[in-house]
């Protein structure tokens, strides 16, 4: 599989975990809401450190819910909403166990086309259309997961020079461009509300 660099301004070990672990990547994407993307995508590494090993989907799916909340809430919390996101993490992992034998990579491994990939991702708890399209773009642009029609399924996030999401971050300059895009979108949304 051709892979491009995944290089967020986070601990290099956190980037390496995202490159080698489909589950870590999926958990980073799960947590990527209402917090900076650097925090979301570094949290799987922090979770690994707190557990003392790389977790798998079966372990997280079956984890005692209160104990997992405690792991998420330990300062610094893995997310600003540790209880809700610990529960969401378990929901995502349970779906992986139920449908994909606990293997996050099987979520995208044998899809017929981009539409099927998008459908599978939108079935994940907490993955609306926009978040699912960003993950399709991230898989295509950074991980070599390019079934026919993946760019179309990713919508604008699949455009080659989009600079709209984490899928487009490869270095400091691309991160700056993504941030500028997000700030423009927020300003336009705010202006539209009047």
N, C-alpha and C. Protein backbone atom coordinates (compact mmCIF):
# COMPACT_ATOMS: atom_id res chain seq x y z
N UNK A 1 0.84 -1.18 0.00
CA UNK A 1 0.00 0.00 0.00
C UNK A 1 0.89 1.24 0.00
N UNK A 2 0.68 2.13 -0.94
CA UNK A 2 1.43 3.39 -0.95
C UNK A 2 0.91 4.26 0.17
N UNK A 3 1.83 4.76 0.97
CA UNK A 3 1.44 5.65 2.05
C UNK A 3 2.24 6.93 1.93
N UNK A 4 1.56 8.02 2.18
CA UNK A 4 2.23 9.30 2.23
C UNK A 4 2.51 9.60 3.69
N UNK A 5 3.24 10.64 3.92
CA UNK A 5 3.58 11.01 5.28
C UNK A 5 2.36 11.50 6.03
N UNK A 6 2.21 11.00 7.24
CA UNK A 6 1.20 11.54 8.15
C UNK A 6 2.00 12.31 9.17
N UNK A 7 1.93 13.62 9.12
CA UNK A 7 2.82 14.42 9.95
C UNK A 7 2.10 15.60 10.57
N UNK A 8 1.38 15.31 11.62
CA UNK A 8 0.78 16.39 12.41
C UNK A 8 1.84 16.90 13.38
N UNK A 9 1.70 18.14 13.85
CA UNK A 9 2.66 18.65 14.83
C UNK A 9 2.37 18.09 16.22
N UNK A 10 2.60 16.78 16.33
CA UNK A 10 2.39 16.06 17.60
C UNK A 10 3.62 15.20 17.84
N UNK A 11 3.67 14.52 18.96
CA UNK A 11 4.77 13.64 19.28
C UNK A 11 5.04 12.71 18.08
N UNK A 12 6.29 12.61 17.63
CA UNK A 12 6.58 11.73 16.49
C UNK A 12 6.09 10.30 16.70
N UNK A 13 6.12 9.81 17.94
CA UNK A 13 5.62 8.46 18.22
C UNK A 13 4.11 8.37 17.99
N UNK A 14 3.41 9.47 18.24
CA UNK A 14 1.96 9.50 17.98
C UNK A 14 1.70 9.42 16.48
N UNK A 15 2.49 10.13 15.68
CA UNK A 15 2.37 10.03 14.23
C UNK A 15 2.67 8.61 13.75
N UNK A 16 3.71 7.99 14.29
CA UNK A 16 4.06 6.63 13.87
C UNK A 16 2.93 5.65 14.21
N UNK A 17 2.31 5.83 15.38
CA UNK A 17 1.19 4.96 15.76
C UNK A 17 0.05 5.11 14.76
N UNK A 18 -0.25 6.33 14.36
CA UNK A 18 -1.32 6.57 13.37
C UNK A 18 -0.98 5.94 12.03
N UNK A 19 0.29 5.89 11.69
CA UNK A 19 0.70 5.30 10.42
C UNK A 19 0.58 3.78 10.43
N UNK A 20 0.87 3.14 11.58
CA UNK A 20 0.91 1.67 11.60
C UNK A 20 -0.37 1.03 12.12
N UNK A 21 -1.20 1.79 12.85
CA UNK A 21 -2.37 1.20 13.48
C UNK A 21 -3.67 1.75 12.92
N UNK A 22 -4.38 0.95 12.13
CA UNK A 22 -5.68 1.39 11.63
C UNK A 22 -6.64 1.78 12.76
N UNK A 23 -6.58 1.06 13.89
CA UNK A 23 -7.47 1.40 15.01
C UNK A 23 -7.12 2.77 15.58
N UNK A 24 -5.83 3.06 15.75
CA UNK A 24 -5.43 4.37 16.27
C UNK A 24 -5.92 5.48 15.33
N UNK A 25 -5.77 5.27 14.03
CA UNK A 25 -6.26 6.25 13.06
C UNK A 25 -7.76 6.46 13.21
N UNK A 26 -8.50 5.37 13.31
CA UNK A 26 -9.95 5.46 13.44
C UNK A 26 -10.35 6.14 14.75
N UNK A 27 -9.62 5.85 15.83
CA UNK A 27 -9.93 6.49 17.11
C UNK A 27 -9.61 7.99 17.06
N UNK A 28 -8.52 8.35 16.41
CA UNK A 28 -8.20 9.77 16.24
C UNK A 28 -9.32 10.49 15.51
N UNK A 29 -9.81 9.87 14.45
CA UNK A 29 -10.92 10.46 13.69
C UNK A 29 -12.19 10.51 14.53
N UNK A 30 -12.43 9.49 15.34
CA UNK A 30 -13.60 9.47 16.23
C UNK A 30 -13.55 10.66 17.19
N UNK A 31 -12.37 10.93 17.73
CA UNK A 31 -12.21 11.99 18.72
C UNK A 31 -12.11 13.38 18.10
N UNK A 32 -11.98 13.45 16.79
CA UNK A 32 -11.77 14.73 16.11
C UNK A 32 -13.07 15.52 15.97
N UNK A 33 -13.52 16.03 17.10
CA UNK A 33 -14.66 16.94 17.10
C UNK A 33 -14.60 17.78 18.37
N UNK A 34 -14.79 19.06 18.21
CA UNK A 34 -14.83 20.01 19.31
C UNK A 34 -13.51 20.12 20.08
N UNK A 35 -12.43 19.64 19.48
CA UNK A 35 -11.08 19.84 20.03
C UNK A 35 -10.14 20.01 18.84
N UNK A 36 -8.95 20.60 19.07
CA UNK A 36 -8.00 20.72 17.96
C UNK A 36 -7.61 19.35 17.40
N UNK A 37 -7.37 19.30 16.09
CA UNK A 37 -7.04 18.02 15.47
C UNK A 37 -5.78 17.41 16.06
N UNK A 38 -4.82 18.25 16.48
CA UNK A 38 -3.60 17.71 17.08
C UNK A 38 -3.93 16.94 18.36
N UNK A 39 -4.84 17.45 19.14
CA UNK A 39 -5.25 16.78 20.39
C UNK A 39 -5.95 15.46 20.04
N UNK A 40 -6.88 15.51 19.11
CA UNK A 40 -7.64 14.31 18.74
C UNK A 40 -6.73 13.19 18.25
N UNK A 41 -5.79 13.54 17.38
CA UNK A 41 -4.95 12.50 16.77
C UNK A 41 -3.75 12.11 17.64
N UNK A 42 -3.46 12.86 18.69
CA UNK A 42 -2.43 12.42 19.63
C UNK A 42 -3.03 11.58 20.76
N UNK A 43 -4.33 11.68 20.96
CA UNK A 43 -4.97 10.94 22.06
C UNK A 43 -4.86 9.42 21.95
N UNK A 44 -4.89 8.80 20.76
CA UNK A 44 -4.68 7.35 20.72
C UNK A 44 -3.31 6.93 21.28
N UNK A 45 -2.29 7.75 21.06
CA UNK A 45 -0.97 7.46 21.61
C UNK A 45 -0.98 7.61 23.13
N UNK A 46 -1.62 8.65 23.63
CA UNK A 46 -1.72 8.84 25.07
C UNK A 46 -2.50 7.68 25.70
N UNK A 47 -3.56 7.25 25.03
CA UNK A 47 -4.34 6.09 25.51
C UNK A 47 -3.44 4.86 25.59
N UNK A 48 -2.61 4.64 24.57
CA UNK A 48 -1.68 3.52 24.56
C UNK A 48 -0.72 3.60 25.74
N UNK A 49 -0.22 4.79 26.01
CA UNK A 49 0.70 4.98 27.14
C UNK A 49 -0.01 4.67 28.46
N UNK A 50 -1.24 5.13 28.61
CA UNK A 50 -1.97 4.93 29.86
C UNK A 50 -2.31 3.46 30.09
N UNK A 51 -2.59 2.75 29.01
CA UNK A 51 -2.93 1.33 29.14
C UNK A 51 -1.67 0.46 29.26
N UNK A 52 -0.55 1.00 28.82
CA UNK A 52 0.70 0.25 28.86
C UNK A 52 0.93 -0.63 27.65
N UNK A 53 0.05 -0.55 26.65
CA UNK A 53 0.17 -1.32 25.42
C UNK A 53 -0.81 -0.75 24.40
N UNK A 54 -0.61 -1.15 23.13
CA UNK A 54 -1.56 -0.73 22.10
C UNK A 54 -2.85 -1.55 22.29
N UNK A 55 -3.95 -0.86 22.50
CA UNK A 55 -5.20 -1.61 22.66
C UNK A 55 -5.70 -2.14 21.32
N UNK A 56 -6.56 -3.13 21.39
CA UNK A 56 -7.25 -3.57 20.18
C UNK A 56 -8.74 -3.32 20.38
N UNK A 57 -9.48 -3.45 19.30
CA UNK A 57 -10.91 -3.13 19.33
C UNK A 57 -11.67 -4.02 20.32
N UNK A 58 -11.29 -5.29 20.39
CA UNK A 58 -11.99 -6.19 21.33
C UNK A 58 -11.78 -5.74 22.77
N UNK A 59 -10.55 -5.37 23.11
CA UNK A 59 -10.26 -4.92 24.46
C UNK A 59 -11.09 -3.67 24.81
N UNK A 60 -11.10 -2.70 23.91
CA UNK A 60 -11.83 -1.46 24.19
C UNK A 60 -13.33 -1.69 24.20
N UNK A 61 -13.82 -2.55 23.31
CA UNK A 61 -15.26 -2.85 23.27
C UNK A 61 -15.72 -3.47 24.58
N UNK A 62 -14.89 -4.30 25.19
CA UNK A 62 -15.27 -5.00 26.40
C UNK A 62 -14.80 -4.35 27.69
N UNK A 63 -14.14 -3.21 27.58
CA UNK A 63 -13.58 -2.53 28.75
C UNK A 63 -14.70 -2.10 29.69
N UNK A 64 -14.46 -2.15 30.97
CA UNK A 64 -15.44 -1.65 31.92
C UNK A 64 -15.68 -0.17 31.61
N UNK A 65 -16.94 0.22 31.34
CA UNK A 65 -17.22 1.61 30.92
C UNK A 65 -16.73 2.66 31.91
N UNK A 66 -16.93 2.46 33.19
CA UNK A 66 -16.48 3.45 34.17
C UNK A 66 -14.96 3.53 34.21
N UNK A 67 -14.29 2.40 34.08
CA UNK A 67 -12.83 2.40 34.07
C UNK A 67 -12.29 3.11 32.83
N UNK A 68 -12.96 2.93 31.70
CA UNK A 68 -12.52 3.60 30.48
C UNK A 68 -12.72 5.11 30.60
N UNK A 69 -13.83 5.53 31.19
CA UNK A 69 -14.05 6.97 31.42
C UNK A 69 -12.92 7.51 32.29
N UNK A 70 -12.53 6.76 33.31
CA UNK A 70 -11.44 7.21 34.18
C UNK A 70 -10.14 7.37 33.39
N UNK A 71 -9.86 6.45 32.49
CA UNK A 71 -8.66 6.54 31.65
C UNK A 71 -8.75 7.78 30.76
N UNK A 72 -9.90 8.04 30.18
CA UNK A 72 -10.10 9.20 29.31
C UNK A 72 -10.03 10.51 30.09
N UNK A 73 -10.49 10.50 31.34
CA UNK A 73 -10.59 11.73 32.13
C UNK A 73 -9.29 12.08 32.86
N UNK A 74 -8.38 11.12 32.98
CA UNK A 74 -7.13 11.37 33.69
C UNK A 74 -6.43 12.59 33.07
N UNK A 75 -6.01 13.55 33.90
CA UNK A 75 -5.37 14.76 33.35
C UNK A 75 -4.06 14.44 32.63
N UNK A 76 -3.80 15.05 31.49
CA UNK A 76 -4.77 15.82 30.73
C UNK A 76 -5.76 14.89 30.03
N UNK A 77 -7.03 15.23 30.10
CA UNK A 77 -8.08 14.40 29.52
C UNK A 77 -7.84 14.18 28.02
N UNK A 78 -8.23 13.02 27.54
CA UNK A 78 -8.05 12.70 26.12
C UNK A 78 -8.97 13.52 25.22
N UNK A 79 -10.03 14.07 25.80
CA UNK A 79 -11.01 14.86 25.05
C UNK A 79 -11.70 15.78 26.04
N UNK A 80 -12.23 16.88 25.58
CA UNK A 80 -12.90 17.79 26.53
C UNK A 80 -14.20 17.20 27.06
N UNK A 81 -14.71 16.15 26.42
CA UNK A 81 -15.88 15.43 26.90
C UNK A 81 -15.49 13.97 27.12
N UNK A 82 -14.72 13.67 28.16
CA UNK A 82 -14.16 12.32 28.31
C UNK A 82 -15.22 11.24 28.47
N UNK A 83 -16.29 11.51 29.19
CA UNK A 83 -17.31 10.48 29.39
C UNK A 83 -17.99 10.12 28.07
N UNK A 84 -18.42 11.14 27.34
CA UNK A 84 -19.10 10.91 26.06
C UNK A 84 -18.18 10.24 25.04
N UNK A 85 -16.91 10.66 25.01
CA UNK A 85 -16.02 10.12 23.99
C UNK A 85 -15.48 8.74 24.36
N UNK A 86 -15.40 8.43 25.65
CA UNK A 86 -15.06 7.06 26.04
C UNK A 86 -16.19 6.13 25.58
N UNK A 87 -17.43 6.57 25.78
CA UNK A 87 -18.59 5.77 25.34
C UNK A 87 -18.60 5.63 23.82
N UNK A 88 -18.31 6.72 23.09
CA UNK A 88 -18.29 6.67 21.62
C UNK A 88 -17.19 5.73 21.15
N UNK A 89 -16.04 5.77 21.78
CA UNK A 89 -14.94 4.88 21.43
C UNK A 89 -15.39 3.42 21.59
N UNK A 90 -16.08 3.13 22.68
CA UNK A 90 -16.57 1.75 22.88
C UNK A 90 -17.60 1.37 21.82
N UNK A 91 -18.48 2.30 21.47
CA UNK A 91 -19.49 2.02 20.43
C UNK A 91 -18.82 1.70 19.10
N UNK A 92 -17.82 2.50 18.72
CA UNK A 92 -17.10 2.26 17.47
C UNK A 92 -16.40 0.90 17.52
N UNK A 93 -15.75 0.60 18.63
CA UNK A 93 -15.04 -0.68 18.76
C UNK A 93 -16.00 -1.86 18.75
N UNK A 94 -17.16 -1.70 19.35
CA UNK A 94 -18.15 -2.79 19.32
C UNK A 94 -18.62 -3.07 17.90
N UNK A 95 -18.82 -2.02 17.12
CA UNK A 95 -19.22 -2.21 15.73
C UNK A 95 -18.09 -2.92 14.97
N UNK A 96 -16.84 -2.54 15.23
CA UNK A 96 -15.71 -3.21 14.57
C UNK A 96 -15.68 -4.69 14.93
N UNK A 97 -15.94 -5.01 16.18
CA UNK A 97 -15.95 -6.41 16.60
C UNK A 97 -17.11 -7.16 15.94
N UNK A 98 -18.29 -6.55 15.94
CA UNK A 98 -19.48 -7.19 15.39
C UNK A 98 -19.41 -7.42 13.88
N UNK A 99 -18.89 -6.44 13.14
CA UNK A 99 -18.94 -6.51 11.69
C UNK A 99 -17.61 -6.84 11.01
N UNK A 100 -16.50 -6.52 11.67
CA UNK A 100 -15.20 -6.64 11.01
C UNK A 100 -14.21 -7.45 11.83
N UNK A 101 -14.70 -8.32 12.69
CA UNK A 101 -13.86 -9.21 13.49
C UNK A 101 -12.82 -8.43 14.30
N UNK A 102 -13.17 -7.19 14.68
CA UNK A 102 -12.30 -6.38 15.51
C UNK A 102 -11.14 -5.73 14.77
N UNK A 103 -11.11 -5.86 13.45
CA UNK A 103 -10.00 -5.34 12.66
C UNK A 103 -10.43 -4.06 11.94
N UNK A 104 -9.93 -2.92 12.41
CA UNK A 104 -10.32 -1.63 11.82
C UNK A 104 -10.01 -1.58 10.33
N UNK A 105 -8.92 -2.18 9.90
CA UNK A 105 -8.54 -2.13 8.49
C UNK A 105 -9.57 -2.83 7.60
N UNK A 106 -10.30 -3.79 8.15
CA UNK A 106 -11.32 -4.48 7.34
C UNK A 106 -12.48 -3.56 7.00
N UNK A 107 -12.61 -2.45 7.73
CA UNK A 107 -13.63 -1.45 7.40
C UNK A 107 -13.46 -0.97 5.97
N UNK A 108 -12.23 -0.84 5.51
CA UNK A 108 -11.97 -0.34 4.17
C UNK A 108 -11.25 -1.32 3.26
N UNK A 109 -10.90 -2.50 3.76
CA UNK A 109 -10.01 -3.41 3.02
C UNK A 109 -10.59 -3.92 1.70
N UNK A 110 -11.84 -4.30 1.65
CA UNK A 110 -12.35 -4.99 0.46
C UNK A 110 -13.56 -4.29 -0.14
N UNK A 111 -13.59 -2.97 -0.07
CA UNK A 111 -14.75 -2.25 -0.61
C UNK A 111 -14.73 -2.29 -2.13
N UNK A 112 -15.91 -2.32 -2.72
CA UNK A 112 -16.03 -2.36 -4.18
C UNK A 112 -15.71 -1.00 -4.79
N UNK A 113 -16.10 0.07 -4.09
CA UNK A 113 -15.90 1.42 -4.64
C UNK A 113 -16.03 2.46 -3.53
N UNK A 114 -15.84 3.70 -3.91
CA UNK A 114 -15.89 4.79 -2.95
C UNK A 114 -17.24 4.93 -2.26
N UNK A 115 -18.31 4.66 -2.97
CA UNK A 115 -19.65 4.75 -2.36
C UNK A 115 -19.80 3.75 -1.23
N UNK A 116 -19.31 2.52 -1.45
CA UNK A 116 -19.40 1.50 -0.40
C UNK A 116 -18.53 1.90 0.79
N UNK A 117 -17.35 2.45 0.52
CA UNK A 117 -16.48 2.89 1.60
C UNK A 117 -17.18 3.98 2.43
N UNK A 118 -17.75 4.95 1.77
CA UNK A 118 -18.46 6.03 2.47
C UNK A 118 -19.63 5.46 3.28
N UNK A 119 -20.37 4.53 2.70
CA UNK A 119 -21.50 3.93 3.41
C UNK A 119 -21.03 3.22 4.68
N UNK A 120 -19.98 2.43 4.54
CA UNK A 120 -19.47 1.70 5.72
C UNK A 120 -19.05 2.67 6.82
N UNK A 121 -18.36 3.73 6.44
CA UNK A 121 -17.88 4.68 7.44
C UNK A 121 -19.04 5.43 8.09
N UNK A 122 -20.05 5.81 7.30
CA UNK A 122 -21.19 6.53 7.90
C UNK A 122 -21.99 5.64 8.85
N UNK A 123 -21.79 4.33 8.79
CA UNK A 123 -22.45 3.43 9.73
C UNK A 123 -21.78 3.42 11.10
N UNK A 124 -20.58 3.99 11.19
CA UNK A 124 -19.89 4.07 12.48
C UNK A 124 -20.60 5.08 13.39
N UNK A 125 -20.72 4.77 14.68
CA UNK A 125 -21.34 5.71 15.61
C UNK A 125 -20.58 7.05 15.61
N UNK A 126 -21.33 8.13 15.43
CA UNK A 126 -20.74 9.47 15.47
C UNK A 126 -20.16 9.94 14.16
N UNK A 127 -20.26 9.15 13.10
CA UNK A 127 -19.71 9.54 11.81
C UNK A 127 -20.83 9.98 10.88
N UNK A 128 -21.10 11.28 10.89
CA UNK A 128 -22.03 11.85 9.93
C UNK A 128 -21.37 11.92 8.56
N UNK A 129 -22.07 12.46 7.59
CA UNK A 129 -21.55 12.49 6.22
C UNK A 129 -20.23 13.26 6.12
N UNK A 130 -20.13 14.43 6.73
CA UNK A 130 -18.92 15.23 6.61
C UNK A 130 -17.71 14.49 7.21
N UNK A 131 -17.87 13.98 8.41
CA UNK A 131 -16.75 13.27 9.05
C UNK A 131 -16.39 12.03 8.24
N UNK A 132 -17.38 11.33 7.72
CA UNK A 132 -17.11 10.15 6.89
C UNK A 132 -16.36 10.53 5.62
N UNK A 133 -16.74 11.64 5.00
CA UNK A 133 -16.05 12.08 3.78
C UNK A 133 -14.60 12.46 4.09
N UNK A 134 -14.37 13.07 5.25
CA UNK A 134 -13.00 13.41 5.63
C UNK A 134 -12.18 12.14 5.81
N UNK A 135 -12.75 11.11 6.44
CA UNK A 135 -12.01 9.86 6.61
C UNK A 135 -11.76 9.19 5.26
N UNK A 136 -12.72 9.21 4.35
CA UNK A 136 -12.49 8.67 3.00
C UNK A 136 -11.31 9.40 2.36
N UNK A 137 -11.29 10.73 2.47
CA UNK A 137 -10.19 11.52 1.90
C UNK A 137 -8.87 11.19 2.58
N UNK A 138 -8.89 11.07 3.90
CA UNK A 138 -7.67 10.75 4.64
C UNK A 138 -7.12 9.39 4.22
N UNK A 139 -7.99 8.40 4.11
CA UNK A 139 -7.56 7.07 3.67
C UNK A 139 -6.99 7.12 2.26
N UNK A 140 -7.63 7.87 1.38
CA UNK A 140 -7.16 7.95 0.00
C UNK A 140 -5.87 8.72 -0.15
N UNK A 141 -5.79 9.86 0.52
CA UNK A 141 -4.63 10.74 0.33
C UNK A 141 -3.40 10.31 1.12
N UNK A 142 -3.59 9.70 2.28
CA UNK A 142 -2.45 9.40 3.15
C UNK A 142 -2.17 7.92 3.30
N UNK A 143 -3.14 7.05 3.00
CA UNK A 143 -2.98 5.63 3.29
C UNK A 143 -3.12 4.73 2.06
N UNK A 144 -3.28 5.33 0.90
CA UNK A 144 -3.33 4.52 -0.32
C UNK A 144 -4.60 3.70 -0.48
N UNK A 145 -5.65 4.03 0.25
CA UNK A 145 -6.94 3.33 0.12
C UNK A 145 -7.74 4.09 -0.95
N UNK A 146 -7.64 3.60 -2.19
CA UNK A 146 -8.19 4.35 -3.32
C UNK A 146 -9.10 3.51 -4.22
N UNK A 147 -10.21 3.03 -3.67
CA UNK A 147 -11.13 2.29 -4.55
C UNK A 147 -11.70 3.25 -5.60
N UNK A 148 -12.21 2.69 -6.69
CA UNK A 148 -12.79 3.52 -7.74
C UNK A 148 -13.83 4.47 -7.13
N UNK A 149 -13.74 5.73 -7.51
CA UNK A 149 -14.73 6.71 -7.06
C UNK A 149 -14.50 7.25 -5.66
N UNK A 150 -13.32 7.01 -5.07
CA UNK A 150 -13.10 7.49 -3.70
C UNK A 150 -13.11 9.00 -3.62
N UNK A 151 -12.53 9.69 -4.60
CA UNK A 151 -12.51 11.16 -4.54
C UNK A 151 -13.93 11.73 -4.60
N UNK A 152 -14.76 11.16 -5.45
CA UNK A 152 -16.15 11.62 -5.54
C UNK A 152 -16.88 11.36 -4.23
N UNK A 153 -16.65 10.19 -3.64
CA UNK A 153 -17.30 9.85 -2.37
C UNK A 153 -16.85 10.80 -1.26
N UNK A 154 -15.61 11.27 -1.34
CA UNK A 154 -15.08 12.18 -0.33
C UNK A 154 -15.58 13.62 -0.53
N UNK A 155 -16.29 13.87 -1.61
CA UNK A 155 -16.77 15.23 -1.87
C UNK A 155 -15.58 16.16 -2.04
N UNK A 156 -15.73 17.41 -1.62
CA UNK A 156 -14.67 18.40 -1.75
C UNK A 156 -13.40 18.03 -1.01
N UNK A 157 -13.54 17.18 0.02
CA UNK A 157 -12.35 16.76 0.79
C UNK A 157 -11.42 15.87 -0.04
N UNK A 158 -11.94 15.28 -1.11
CA UNK A 158 -11.14 14.42 -1.95
C UNK A 158 -10.35 15.16 -3.01
N UNK A 159 -10.65 16.45 -3.22
CA UNK A 159 -9.93 17.23 -4.23
C UNK A 159 -8.43 17.21 -3.94
N UNK A 160 -7.64 17.13 -4.99
CA UNK A 160 -6.20 16.97 -4.85
C UNK A 160 -5.54 18.08 -4.04
N UNK A 161 -5.90 19.31 -4.27
CA UNK A 161 -5.27 20.43 -3.56
C UNK A 161 -6.29 21.18 -2.71
N UNK A 162 -7.04 20.43 -1.92
CA UNK A 162 -8.15 21.02 -1.18
C UNK A 162 -7.71 21.81 0.04
N UNK A 163 -6.84 21.27 0.86
CA UNK A 163 -6.44 21.89 2.13
C UNK A 163 -7.66 22.24 2.98
N UNK A 164 -8.52 21.23 3.19
CA UNK A 164 -9.75 21.44 3.94
C UNK A 164 -9.83 20.66 5.24
N UNK A 165 -8.96 19.65 5.41
CA UNK A 165 -9.11 18.77 6.57
C UNK A 165 -7.79 18.11 6.92
N UNK A 166 -7.84 17.27 7.95
CA UNK A 166 -6.66 16.51 8.36
C UNK A 166 -6.11 15.67 7.21
N UNK A 167 -6.94 15.32 6.25
CA UNK A 167 -6.50 14.53 5.10
C UNK A 167 -5.44 15.25 4.29
N UNK A 168 -5.38 16.56 4.41
CA UNK A 168 -4.46 17.36 3.61
C UNK A 168 -3.21 17.79 4.37
N UNK A 169 -3.06 17.37 5.62
CA UNK A 169 -1.94 17.81 6.44
C UNK A 169 -0.76 16.87 6.27
N UNK A 170 0.33 17.42 5.73
CA UNK A 170 1.56 16.65 5.57
C UNK A 170 2.76 17.36 6.18
N UNK A 171 2.59 18.66 6.45
CA UNK A 171 3.69 19.46 6.99
C UNK A 171 3.11 20.75 7.58
N UNK A 172 3.99 21.61 8.07
CA UNK A 172 3.54 22.85 8.72
C UNK A 172 2.78 23.75 7.77
N UNK A 173 3.22 23.86 6.52
CA UNK A 173 2.55 24.73 5.55
C UNK A 173 1.14 24.23 5.25
N UNK A 174 0.99 22.92 5.03
CA UNK A 174 -0.35 22.40 4.73
C UNK A 174 -1.27 22.53 5.95
N UNK A 175 -0.72 22.37 7.15
CA UNK A 175 -1.52 22.57 8.36
C UNK A 175 -2.01 24.01 8.43
N UNK A 176 -1.14 24.96 8.13
CA UNK A 176 -1.53 26.38 8.13
C UNK A 176 -2.66 26.61 7.13
N UNK A 177 -2.54 26.04 5.95
CA UNK A 177 -3.56 26.24 4.91
C UNK A 177 -4.90 25.62 5.32
N UNK A 178 -4.86 24.46 5.96
CA UNK A 178 -6.10 23.84 6.46
C UNK A 178 -6.74 24.72 7.52
N UNK A 179 -5.92 25.24 8.44
CA UNK A 179 -6.44 26.13 9.49
C UNK A 179 -7.08 27.37 8.89
N UNK A 180 -6.45 27.95 7.89
CA UNK A 180 -7.00 29.15 7.23
C UNK A 180 -8.35 28.82 6.59
N UNK A 181 -8.43 27.68 5.94
CA UNK A 181 -9.70 27.25 5.33
C UNK A 181 -10.79 27.13 6.38
N UNK A 182 -10.49 26.46 7.51
CA UNK A 182 -11.49 26.27 8.57
C UNK A 182 -11.92 27.61 9.15
N UNK A 183 -10.97 28.53 9.33
CA UNK A 183 -11.33 29.86 9.85
C UNK A 183 -12.23 30.60 8.88
N UNK A 184 -11.95 30.49 7.57
CA UNK A 184 -12.83 31.12 6.56
C UNK A 184 -14.23 30.53 6.62
N UNK A 185 -14.32 29.21 6.74
CA UNK A 185 -15.64 28.55 6.78
C UNK A 185 -16.43 29.00 8.02
N UNK A 186 -15.75 29.10 9.17
CA UNK A 186 -16.42 29.56 10.39
C UNK A 186 -16.89 30.99 10.24
N UNK A 187 -16.05 31.85 9.65
CA UNK A 187 -16.42 33.24 9.46
C UNK A 187 -17.60 33.37 8.50
N UNK A 188 -17.60 32.58 7.44
CA UNK A 188 -18.70 32.62 6.47
C UNK A 188 -20.00 32.12 7.12
N UNK A 189 -19.89 31.07 7.91
CA UNK A 189 -21.09 30.53 8.59
C UNK A 189 -21.65 31.55 9.57
N UNK A 190 -20.75 32.21 10.29
CA UNK A 190 -21.17 33.22 11.25
C UNK A 190 -21.82 34.40 10.55
N UNK A 191 -21.25 34.82 9.42
CA UNK A 191 -21.80 35.93 8.65
C UNK A 191 -23.17 35.57 8.08
N UNK A 192 -23.33 34.32 7.67
CA UNK A 192 -24.61 33.87 7.10
C UNK A 192 -25.73 33.89 8.13
N UNK A 193 -25.36 33.63 9.41
CA UNK A 193 -26.37 33.65 10.46
C UNK A 193 -26.80 35.07 10.80
N UNK A 194 -25.96 36.03 10.41
CA UNK A 194 -26.30 37.43 10.57
C UNK A 194 -26.00 37.93 11.92
